């Protein structure tokens, strides 16, 4: 068993999560990716590297999240970083949307990160590791009737609330809040928004930069927009 750092990423099979996994693997980390069946294709695309463990499960189910943490520690012997990346949008509004999709969105986007923190904190205390929460600019700027934005406001609050508790354990907390990014996030709208969009790799660079800060340095909030995005 090597001493190279270990990261657990939810929603690691596509978009930002997959980009973070690739960059961490390139940097010598070992990575566990959690998500849906697309993880299998992602692993095959990378040539099934020895340092990659893929696990299917539900980010909003504590038993699944806890099992992923346990599997990671069993496979790699440690856990240094968790990245709460799983999330999605129903792309509707509180006054005109379909409530049928809201429950699952809230559970995935809000409960999911909280469960990951709870399941991993004991391991992170041992390694004096880092928690990374992937939020959104929508969690800082109000949008008319934006239910998705409300979930990301919750993530913004969760990041600081968590930091205030776990900093005494030597655990860092970073909130990464992307602006518009070209990812499967927009599939539900049928097209990408107008204007310049960031790539998943560009956001992943910010995530990896935060993870690789020197010991004792805690970068807390990083907002990353494409130039030209006004809000």
Protein backbone atom coordinates (compact mmCIF):
# COMPACT_ATOMS: atom_id res chain seq x y z
CA UNK A 1 0.00 0.00 0.00
CA UNK A 2 1.47 3.34 -1.03
CA UNK A 3 1.13 6.64 0.79
CA UNK A 4 -0.29 8.51 -2.20
CA UNK A 5 -3.40 10.55 -1.34
CA UNK A 6 -6.88 9.10 -1.81
CA UNK A 7 -9.99 10.99 -2.96
CA UNK A 8 -13.64 9.91 -3.06
CA UNK A 9 -15.76 11.74 -5.63
CA UNK A 10 -19.54 11.50 -5.93
CA UNK A 11 -20.94 11.90 -9.41
CA UNK A 12 -17.54 10.88 -10.73
CA UNK A 13 -18.60 9.31 -14.01
CA UNK A 14 -19.09 12.42 -16.13
CA UNK A 15 -18.74 16.17 -16.30
CA UNK A 16 -16.85 17.94 -13.52
CA UNK A 17 -16.52 14.79 -11.39
CA UNK A 18 -14.88 12.81 -14.18
CA UNK A 19 -12.54 15.71 -14.98
CA UNK A 20 -11.49 15.94 -11.32
CA UNK A 21 -10.88 12.19 -11.22
CA UNK A 22 -8.69 12.30 -14.34
CA UNK A 23 -6.62 15.19 -13.07
CA UNK A 24 -6.12 13.68 -9.63
CA UNK A 25 -5.07 10.36 -11.17
CA UNK A 26 -2.57 12.24 -13.34
CA UNK A 27 -1.26 13.95 -10.20
CA UNK A 28 -0.62 10.60 -8.51
CA UNK A 29 -3.73 10.36 -6.34
CA UNK A 30 -5.82 7.25 -5.98
CA UNK A 31 -9.50 7.86 -6.66
CA UNK A 32 -12.86 6.33 -5.86
CA UNK A 33 -15.66 7.47 -8.17
CA UNK A 34 -19.30 7.10 -7.19
CA UNK A 35 -22.16 7.44 -9.63
CA UNK A 36 -24.29 5.54 -12.14
CA UNK A 37 -23.52 2.95 -14.83
CA UNK A 38 -21.57 5.53 -16.84
CA UNK A 39 -18.73 4.93 -14.36
CA UNK A 40 -18.00 1.62 -16.03
CA UNK A 41 -17.49 3.34 -19.37
CA UNK A 42 -15.40 6.04 -17.71
CA UNK A 43 -13.09 3.43 -16.17
CA UNK A 44 -12.75 1.63 -19.50
CA UNK A 45 -12.00 4.92 -21.25
CA UNK A 46 -9.09 5.48 -18.85
CA UNK A 47 -7.84 1.91 -19.36
CA UNK A 48 -8.99 0.75 -15.90
CA UNK A 49 -6.03 2.25 -14.03
CA UNK A 50 -4.90 0.53 -10.85
CA UNK A 51 -5.55 3.62 -8.73
CA UNK A 52 -9.23 3.96 -9.73
CA UNK A 53 -12.07 2.29 -7.84
CA UNK A 54 -15.62 2.73 -9.19
CA UNK A 55 -18.70 2.15 -7.05
CA UNK A 56 -22.36 2.48 -8.00
CA UNK A 57 -24.83 3.89 -5.52
CA UNK A 58 -27.18 6.67 -4.48
CA UNK A 59 -25.55 9.83 -3.10
CA UNK A 60 -28.70 10.51 -1.05
CA UNK A 61 -28.70 7.09 0.66
CA UNK A 62 -26.54 7.01 3.79
CA UNK A 63 -25.97 3.26 3.65
CA UNK A 64 -24.64 3.59 0.09
CA UNK A 65 -22.40 6.53 0.99
CA UNK A 66 -21.06 4.84 4.09
CA UNK A 67 -20.36 1.67 2.09
CA UNK A 68 -18.41 3.72 -0.46
CA UNK A 69 -16.24 5.23 2.26
CA UNK A 70 -15.63 1.80 3.78
CA UNK A 71 -14.79 0.29 0.39
CA UNK A 72 -12.34 3.12 -0.31
CA UNK A 73 -10.50 2.64 2.97
CA UNK A 74 -10.45 -1.13 2.52
CA UNK A 75 -9.04 -0.80 -1.02
CA UNK A 76 -6.53 2.01 -0.44
CA UNK A 77 -5.96 2.11 3.31
CA UNK A 78 -6.80 5.78 3.83
CA UNK A 79 -9.02 8.68 2.76
CA UNK A 80 -7.68 12.21 2.30
CA UNK A 81 -10.33 14.08 0.33
CA UNK A 82 -14.03 13.83 -0.43
CA UNK A 83 -15.59 15.76 -3.31
CA UNK A 84 -19.37 16.16 -3.12
CA UNK A 85 -20.06 16.67 -6.81
CA UNK A 86 -23.27 14.70 -7.45
CA UNK A 87 -26.18 16.96 -8.29
CA UNK A 88 -28.62 18.02 -10.96
CA UNK A 89 -31.31 20.56 -11.84
CA UNK A 90 -34.96 20.17 -12.82
CA UNK A 91 -34.70 23.51 -14.66
CA UNK A 92 -38.08 24.77 -13.48
CA UNK A 93 -39.44 27.34 -11.05
CA UNK A 94 -41.34 27.41 -7.79
CA UNK A 95 -44.35 29.17 -9.31
CA UNK A 96 -44.55 27.28 -12.59
CA UNK A 97 -42.65 24.03 -12.29
CA UNK A 98 -43.47 20.38 -11.72
CA UNK A 99 -43.02 19.44 -8.04
CA UNK A 100 -42.64 15.77 -8.96
CA UNK A 101 -38.92 16.24 -9.56
CA UNK A 102 -38.07 18.51 -6.67
CA UNK A 103 -37.78 15.91 -3.91
CA UNK A 104 -35.03 13.91 -5.60
CA UNK A 105 -33.16 17.08 -6.57
CA UNK A 106 -33.21 18.38 -3.00
CA UNK A 107 -32.12 15.01 -1.61
CA UNK A 108 -29.24 14.67 -4.07
CA UNK A 109 -28.06 18.28 -3.98
CA UNK A 110 -28.46 19.02 -0.25
CA UNK A 111 -28.73 15.78 1.72
CA UNK A 112 -26.09 14.06 -0.40
CA UNK A 113 -23.19 16.34 0.56
CA UNK A 114 -24.21 16.26 4.23
CA UNK A 115 -24.25 12.45 4.20
CA UNK A 116 -20.82 12.33 2.56
CA UNK A 117 -19.41 14.60 5.24
CA UNK A 118 -20.93 12.51 8.02
CA UNK A 119 -19.72 9.21 6.54
CA UNK A 120 -16.16 10.39 5.92
CA UNK A 121 -15.32 12.74 8.78
CA UNK A 122 -13.68 10.15 11.04
CA UNK A 123 -11.30 9.12 8.25
CA UNK A 124 -10.59 12.74 7.33
CA UNK A 125 -9.71 13.54 10.94
CA UNK A 126 -7.00 10.88 10.77
CA UNK A 127 -5.44 12.27 7.59
CA UNK A 128 -6.23 15.94 8.33
CA UNK A 129 -7.87 15.92 4.95
CA UNK A 130 -10.22 18.13 2.96
CA UNK A 131 -13.91 18.32 2.10
CA UNK A 132 -14.76 19.87 -1.28
CA UNK A 133 -18.36 20.81 -2.01
CA UNK A 134 -19.28 21.66 -5.59
CA UNK A 135 -21.85 24.44 -5.36
CA UNK A 136 -22.86 26.97 -7.98
CA UNK A 137 -22.96 30.67 -8.71
CA UNK A 138 -26.72 30.07 -8.31
CA UNK A 139 -25.94 29.52 -4.63
CA UNK A 140 -24.74 33.13 -4.32
CA UNK A 141 -27.01 35.02 -6.73
CA UNK A 142 -30.80 34.86 -6.49
CA UNK A 143 -32.68 33.76 -9.63
CA UNK A 144 -36.44 34.18 -10.15
CA UNK A 145 -38.16 31.11 -8.69
CA UNK A 146 -34.99 29.03 -8.98
CA UNK A 147 -35.48 25.81 -6.98
CA UNK A 148 -32.09 24.49 -8.06
CA UNK A 149 -30.56 27.74 -6.85
CA UNK A 150 -32.20 27.24 -3.47
CA UNK A 151 -30.48 23.86 -3.14
CA UNK A 152 -27.14 25.45 -3.95
CA UNK A 153 -27.73 28.21 -1.41
CA UNK A 154 -28.07 25.35 1.07
CA UNK A 155 -24.72 23.95 -0.08
CA UNK A 156 -23.14 27.39 0.37
CA UNK A 157 -24.39 27.43 3.96
CA UNK A 158 -23.39 23.82 4.56
CA UNK A 159 -19.82 24.57 3.54
CA UNK A 160 -19.31 27.33 6.10
CA UNK A 161 -21.29 25.55 8.82
CA UNK A 162 -19.14 22.47 8.29
CA UNK A 163 -15.90 24.47 8.27
CA UNK A 164 -16.73 26.01 11.62
CA UNK A 165 -17.12 22.56 13.15
CA UNK A 166 -14.32 20.55 11.53
CA UNK A 167 -11.53 23.13 11.39
CA UNK A 168 -10.61 22.21 14.96
CA UNK A 169 -9.92 18.68 13.71
CA UNK A 170 -7.45 19.94 11.11
CA UNK A 171 -9.89 19.25 8.26
CA UNK A 172 -10.22 21.83 5.48
CA UNK A 173 -13.44 22.75 3.69
CA UNK A 174 -13.61 24.28 0.21
CA UNK A 175 -16.71 25.41 -1.67
CA UNK A 176 -16.20 25.55 -5.44
CA UNK A 177 -19.00 27.55 -7.11
CA UNK A 178 -18.93 27.29 -10.91
CA UNK A 179 -20.69 29.58 -13.30
CA UNK A 180 -21.85 28.24 -16.65
CA UNK A 181 -20.02 25.06 -17.57
CA UNK A 182 -20.41 22.87 -20.63
CA UNK A 183 -21.56 19.63 -18.96
CA UNK A 184 -24.54 17.20 -19.08
CA UNK A 185 -26.17 19.58 -16.56
CA UNK A 186 -27.86 21.33 -19.50
CA UNK A 187 -29.30 18.17 -21.08
CA UNK A 188 -32.69 18.81 -19.49
CA UNK A 189 -32.97 22.11 -21.35
CA UNK A 190 -32.16 20.58 -24.71
CA UNK A 191 -29.41 23.08 -25.51
CA UNK A 192 -26.51 24.96 -24.00
CA UNK A 193 -27.02 28.53 -22.75
CA UNK A 194 -25.72 31.35 -24.93
CA UNK A 195 -22.30 32.86 -24.49
CA UNK A 196 -18.93 31.51 -23.46
CA UNK A 197 -18.95 28.44 -21.18
CA UNK A 198 -16.20 26.98 -19.06
CA UNK A 199 -15.11 23.39 -19.59
CA UNK A 200 -15.24 20.65 -16.98
CA UNK A 201 -11.45 20.53 -17.05
CA UNK A 202 -11.22 24.23 -16.18
CA UNK A 203 -13.41 23.75 -13.10
CA UNK A 204 -11.51 20.59 -12.20
CA UNK A 205 -8.28 22.61 -12.18
CA UNK A 206 -9.78 24.81 -9.44
CA UNK A 207 -10.86 21.75 -7.45
CA UNK A 208 -7.45 20.10 -7.72
CA UNK A 209 -5.71 23.38 -6.87
CA UNK A 210 -7.73 23.60 -3.65
CA UNK A 211 -7.06 19.97 -2.78
CA UNK A 212 -3.31 20.36 -3.26
CA UNK A 213 -2.88 23.41 -1.02
CA UNK A 214 -0.04 23.11 1.50
CA UNK A 215 -0.69 21.59 4.90
CA UNK A 216 -2.33 24.13 7.18
CA UNK A 217 -3.84 26.20 4.34
CA UNK A 218 -7.64 26.25 4.09
CA UNK A 219 -9.10 27.79 0.92
CA UNK A 220 -12.80 28.24 1.69
CA UNK A 221 -14.79 29.74 -1.21
CA UNK A 222 -13.84 29.81 -4.89
CA UNK A 223 -16.30 31.29 -7.43
CA UNK A 224 -15.34 30.52 -11.05
CA UNK A 225 -17.21 32.18 -13.92
CA UNK A 226 -16.47 32.36 -17.62
CA UNK A 227 -15.51 35.86 -18.70
CA UNK A 228 -18.65 37.48 -20.04
CA UNK A 229 -21.12 35.86 -17.64
CA UNK A 230 -22.81 38.90 -16.06
CA UNK A 231 -24.41 37.22 -13.01
